[in-house]
């Protein structure tokens, strides 16, 4: 989707945005990577499927559908408008609208045990306000999971060297805020403690001829060598980086 302001999305480009976002499911959700990460850390740190979850920017509701089917039913959502598919609307205990760049997230303090944002923060004009709001609505020691394009992966660096731009931020799409490591440290880690990072390696990198097959063989072998080596390979080839964080009191 091309870049539109929140005002344009809700007024002059209302039909266009609903047409696109009503069908939208992020790559990490489509590839079933998001639910894998969510279940792993939810089980490790909380292990109670009844706890309240807030999904930021759910678009069509694809991620909510996935976690609901695995037993997580206390789900709320907030987006700039309602783009949920009809079959996903009933999955949400509450759904509200807000401009996450400037508005308060419309719930009280310490209300949620988990907040997820699957490639949401890079799309909004003031993600730093949103981060403070996420901190506010999360309960003490609450879990926050968010993704952003991985700027220092080899594919990203190679693209930058050739095009003098980041592929995820080219003019035809709507990523507008970069989260290099220093920005994450200055802004995100001011409010949250980092638990772990995960790296989303998209299956399509294994589909590109001989080089793709070679990558796939290396990737499969890396897990047998050691978890640390596999993590290094994932970091090198990943499309998105996932931050798993805990609210700092």
Protein backbone atom coordinates (compact mmCIF):
# COMPACT_ATOMS: atom_id res chain seq x y z
CA UNK A 1 0.00 0.00 0.00
CA UNK A 2 1.26 3.51 -0.77
CA UNK A 3 1.83 6.03 2.02
CA UNK A 4 -1.26 7.90 3.20
CA UNK A 5 -1.70 10.07 6.29
CA UNK A 6 -4.26 9.04 8.91
CA UNK A 7 -6.48 11.89 7.74
CA UNK A 8 -6.32 10.71 4.12
CA UNK A 9 -7.02 7.12 5.16
CA UNK A 10 -10.20 8.17 6.94
CA UNK A 11 -11.44 10.73 4.39
CA UNK A 12 -10.27 11.30 0.82
CA UNK A 13 -8.80 7.80 0.41
CA UNK A 14 -11.29 5.92 2.57
CA UNK A 15 -12.35 3.42 -0.13
CA UNK A 16 -8.77 2.75 -1.23
CA UNK A 17 -7.54 2.09 2.29
CA UNK A 18 -10.43 -0.23 3.10
CA UNK A 19 -9.90 -2.12 -0.13
CA UNK A 20 -6.23 -2.73 0.69
CA UNK A 21 -6.25 -3.10 4.49
CA UNK A 22 -9.42 -5.20 4.49
CA UNK A 23 -7.36 -7.88 2.74
CA UNK A 24 -4.06 -7.15 4.46
CA UNK A 25 -2.13 -9.68 6.51
CA UNK A 26 1.49 -8.89 7.30
CA UNK A 27 4.29 -11.12 6.04
CA UNK A 28 5.24 -12.37 9.50
CA UNK A 29 1.60 -13.38 10.08
CA UNK A 30 1.17 -14.91 6.60
CA UNK A 31 4.30 -17.00 7.00
CA UNK A 32 3.05 -18.23 10.42
CA UNK A 33 6.14 -16.75 12.04
CA UNK A 34 4.25 -14.31 14.25
CA UNK A 35 2.16 -16.98 15.94
CA UNK A 36 5.23 -19.17 16.45
CA UNK A 37 7.05 -16.35 18.28
CA UNK A 38 3.93 -15.34 20.23
CA UNK A 39 3.22 -18.84 21.53
CA UNK A 40 6.87 -19.46 22.42
CA UNK A 41 7.26 -16.40 24.65
CA UNK A 42 3.71 -16.31 25.99
CA UNK A 43 4.20 -19.89 27.18
CA UNK A 44 7.62 -19.15 28.69
CA UNK A 45 6.66 -15.93 30.48
CA UNK A 46 2.91 -16.04 31.17
CA UNK A 47 1.41 -19.47 30.40
CA UNK A 48 -2.21 -18.46 31.04
CA UNK A 49 -4.37 -18.19 27.92
CA UNK A 50 -7.04 -16.15 29.68
CA UNK A 51 -4.87 -13.03 30.12
CA UNK A 52 -5.89 -9.89 28.16
CA UNK A 53 -4.10 -9.29 24.84
CA UNK A 54 -4.10 -6.10 22.75
CA UNK A 55 -3.28 -6.39 19.04
CA UNK A 56 -2.24 -3.02 17.57
CA UNK A 57 -3.11 -2.44 13.92
CA UNK A 58 -4.79 -5.81 13.28
CA UNK A 59 -5.93 -4.77 9.76
CA UNK A 60 -8.06 -7.68 8.51
CA UNK A 61 -7.59 -9.61 11.78
CA UNK A 62 -5.34 -12.40 10.51
CA UNK A 63 -3.16 -12.67 13.63
CA UNK A 64 -6.16 -12.58 15.98
CA UNK A 65 -7.69 -15.43 13.99
CA UNK A 66 -4.55 -17.52 14.39
CA UNK A 67 -4.19 -17.08 18.14
CA UNK A 68 -7.91 -17.46 18.73
CA UNK A 69 -7.84 -20.85 17.03
CA UNK A 70 -5.09 -21.96 19.43
CA UNK A 71 -7.05 -20.99 22.53
CA UNK A 72 -6.26 -17.33 23.21
CA UNK A 73 -9.66 -15.69 23.37
CA UNK A 74 -9.22 -12.57 25.52
CA UNK A 75 -8.25 -10.37 22.55
CA UNK A 76 -8.80 -6.66 22.00
CA UNK A 77 -7.76 -4.60 19.00
CA UNK A 78 -7.15 -0.98 18.03
CA UNK A 79 -6.59 0.51 14.58
CA UNK A 80 -7.07 3.83 12.80
CA UNK A 81 -10.30 2.38 11.37
CA UNK A 82 -12.09 -0.96 11.30
CA UNK A 83 -10.75 -3.15 8.48
CA UNK A 84 -11.62 -6.50 10.04
CA UNK A 85 -12.98 -9.25 7.84
CA UNK A 86 -16.53 -10.18 8.80
CA UNK A 87 -15.49 -13.59 10.13
CA UNK A 88 -12.85 -11.99 12.39
CA UNK A 89 -14.96 -9.29 14.02
CA UNK A 90 -16.40 -11.60 16.68
CA UNK A 91 -12.92 -12.72 17.76
CA UNK A 92 -12.32 -9.44 19.57
CA UNK A 93 -13.63 -8.87 23.06
CA UNK A 94 -13.31 -5.16 22.29
CA UNK A 95 -12.29 -3.30 19.15
CA UNK A 96 -11.68 0.47 19.17
CA UNK A 97 -10.30 3.07 16.78
CA UNK A 98 -7.53 5.59 17.39
CA UNK A 99 -4.76 7.37 15.52
CA UNK A 100 -1.85 5.63 17.22
CA UNK A 101 0.51 8.48 16.31
CA UNK A 102 -1.27 11.04 18.50
CA UNK A 103 -4.27 9.60 20.37
CA UNK A 104 -4.33 7.81 23.68
CA UNK A 105 -4.85 4.10 23.33
CA UNK A 106 -8.48 3.99 24.54
CA UNK A 107 -8.06 1.74 27.58
CA UNK A 108 -6.99 2.49 31.17
CA UNK A 109 -3.53 2.08 32.66
CA UNK A 110 -2.16 -1.42 33.31
CA UNK A 111 -5.03 -3.02 31.39
CA UNK A 112 -3.27 -5.65 29.25
CA UNK A 113 -0.80 -8.39 29.90
CA UNK A 114 0.38 -8.56 26.27
CA UNK A 115 0.57 -6.02 23.44
CA UNK A 116 1.52 -7.09 19.91
CA UNK A 117 2.38 -4.85 16.95
CA UNK A 118 3.20 -6.86 13.83
CA UNK A 119 4.95 -4.32 11.56
CA UNK A 120 2.84 -1.42 12.80
CA UNK A 121 5.31 1.05 14.34
CA UNK A 122 7.29 1.66 11.10
CA UNK A 123 4.05 2.76 9.38
CA UNK A 124 2.92 5.47 11.78
CA UNK A 125 4.12 9.05 11.94
CA UNK A 126 4.81 9.21 15.68
CA UNK A 127 5.64 5.70 16.93
CA UNK A 128 7.39 7.16 19.97
CA UNK A 129 4.11 8.47 21.35
CA UNK A 130 2.65 5.03 20.64
CA UNK A 131 5.47 3.36 22.59
CA UNK A 132 4.67 5.47 25.64
CA UNK A 133 1.01 4.55 25.32
CA UNK A 134 1.85 0.86 25.04
CA UNK A 135 3.89 1.17 28.23
CA UNK A 136 0.94 2.85 29.94
CA UNK A 137 -1.71 0.24 29.04
CA UNK A 138 0.55 -2.74 29.78
CA UNK A 139 0.40 -4.27 33.24
CA UNK A 140 3.60 -4.48 35.29
CA UNK A 141 5.99 -7.01 33.72
CA UNK A 142 3.62 -7.17 30.73
CA UNK A 143 4.91 -8.56 27.43
CA UNK A 144 5.36 -6.37 24.34
CA UNK A 145 6.21 -7.92 20.96
CA UNK A 146 6.82 -5.82 17.86
CA UNK A 147 8.46 -6.19 14.45
CA UNK A 148 10.30 -3.85 12.13
CA UNK A 149 12.24 -4.36 8.88
CA UNK A 150 15.73 -5.69 9.62
CA UNK A 151 17.95 -3.00 8.14
CA UNK A 152 21.28 -4.77 8.64
CA UNK A 153 20.45 -8.14 7.11
CA UNK A 154 22.54 -9.07 4.06
CA UNK A 155 19.61 -8.66 1.61
CA UNK A 156 18.87 -5.21 3.04
CA UNK A 157 22.50 -4.09 2.89
CA UNK A 158 22.93 -5.45 -0.65
CA UNK A 159 19.80 -3.60 -1.79
CA UNK A 160 21.05 -0.39 -0.18
CA UNK A 161 24.44 -0.71 -1.86
CA UNK A 162 22.78 -1.06 -5.26
CA UNK A 163 19.81 1.34 -4.94
CA UNK A 164 20.98 3.76 -2.24
CA UNK A 165 17.74 3.03 -0.39
CA UNK A 166 16.25 0.36 1.84
CA UNK A 167 13.96 -2.03 0.02
CA UNK A 168 11.34 -1.90 2.76
CA UNK A 169 11.27 1.91 2.56
CA UNK A 170 11.17 2.51 -1.19
CA UNK A 171 8.79 5.20 -2.41
CA UNK A 172 6.05 2.76 -3.45
CA UNK A 173 5.29 1.45 0.05
CA UNK A 174 4.24 2.96 3.37
CA UNK A 175 7.09 2.25 5.79
CA UNK A 176 8.23 5.67 6.98
CA UNK A 177 10.08 5.27 10.33
CA UNK A 178 13.39 3.40 10.63
CA UNK A 179 14.36 1.49 13.76
CA UNK A 180 18.11 0.89 13.64
CA UNK A 181 19.70 -0.43 16.82
CA UNK A 182 20.54 2.99 18.23
CA UNK A 183 16.95 4.23 17.88
CA UNK A 184 15.64 1.08 19.57
CA UNK A 185 18.08 1.56 22.44
CA UNK A 186 17.19 5.25 22.89
CA UNK A 187 13.42 4.96 22.59
CA UNK A 188 12.10 1.44 23.09
CA UNK A 189 14.56 0.37 25.79
CA UNK A 190 13.80 3.52 27.75
CA UNK A 191 10.50 1.90 28.73
CA UNK A 192 11.05 -1.82 28.20
CA UNK A 193 13.62 -4.48 29.04
CA UNK A 194 14.75 -6.60 26.12
CA UNK A 195 14.11 -10.31 26.61
CA UNK A 196 15.13 -11.59 23.19
CA UNK A 197 15.23 -10.88 19.48
CA UNK A 198 13.98 -13.25 16.79
CA UNK A 199 14.55 -13.04 13.04
CA UNK A 200 11.97 -13.79 10.37
CA UNK A 201 13.61 -15.55 7.43
CA UNK A 202 11.08 -15.54 4.59
CA UNK A 203 10.66 -18.84 2.69
CA UNK A 204 11.02 -17.07 -0.67
CA UNK A 205 14.80 -16.70 -0.22
CA UNK A 206 15.03 -20.47 -0.64
CA UNK A 207 13.18 -20.37 -3.96
CA UNK A 208 15.74 -18.50 -6.09
CA UNK A 209 17.49 -21.14 -8.16
CA UNK A 210 20.71 -22.83 -7.12
CA UNK A 211 21.59 -20.10 -4.62
CA UNK A 212 18.20 -20.49 -2.95
CA UNK A 213 18.63 -24.24 -2.63
CA UNK A 214 22.13 -23.74 -1.21
CA UNK A 215 20.74 -21.30 1.37
CA UNK A 216 18.05 -23.81 2.32
CA UNK A 217 20.65 -26.56 2.87
CA UNK A 218 22.78 -24.24 5.03
CA UNK A 219 19.74 -23.12 7.01
CA UNK A 220 18.60 -26.68 7.71
CA UNK A 221 22.11 -27.72 8.70
CA UNK A 222 22.61 -24.70 10.97
CA UNK A 223 20.12 -25.98 13.53
CA UNK A 224 22.02 -29.25 13.79
CA UNK A 225 25.31 -27.45 14.35
CA UNK A 226 24.11 -25.26 17.23
CA UNK A 227 21.27 -22.89 18.17
CA UNK A 228 23.77 -20.03 18.20
CA UNK A 229 24.89 -20.71 14.63
CA UNK A 230 21.28 -20.95 13.44
CA UNK A 231 20.56 -17.58 15.07
CA UNK A 232 23.50 -16.03 13.23
CA UNK A 233 22.19 -17.36 9.93
CA UNK A 234 18.69 -16.05 10.68
CA UNK A 235 20.09 -12.63 11.58
CA UNK A 236 22.02 -12.52 8.30
CA UNK A 237 19.10 -13.46 6.04
CA UNK A 238 16.04 -12.16 7.83
CA UNK A 239 13.38 -9.83 6.46
CA UNK A 240 12.02 -8.65 9.84
CA UNK A 241 13.48 -8.44 13.30
CA UNK A 242 11.15 -9.21 16.22
CA UNK A 243 11.71 -7.60 19.61
CA UNK A 244 10.34 -9.41 22.65
CA UNK A 245 10.23 -7.03 25.61
CA UNK A 246 8.94 -6.72 29.16
CA UNK A 247 7.48 -3.55 30.63
CA UNK A 248 9.84 -1.72 32.91
CA UNK A 249 8.19 -0.46 36.09
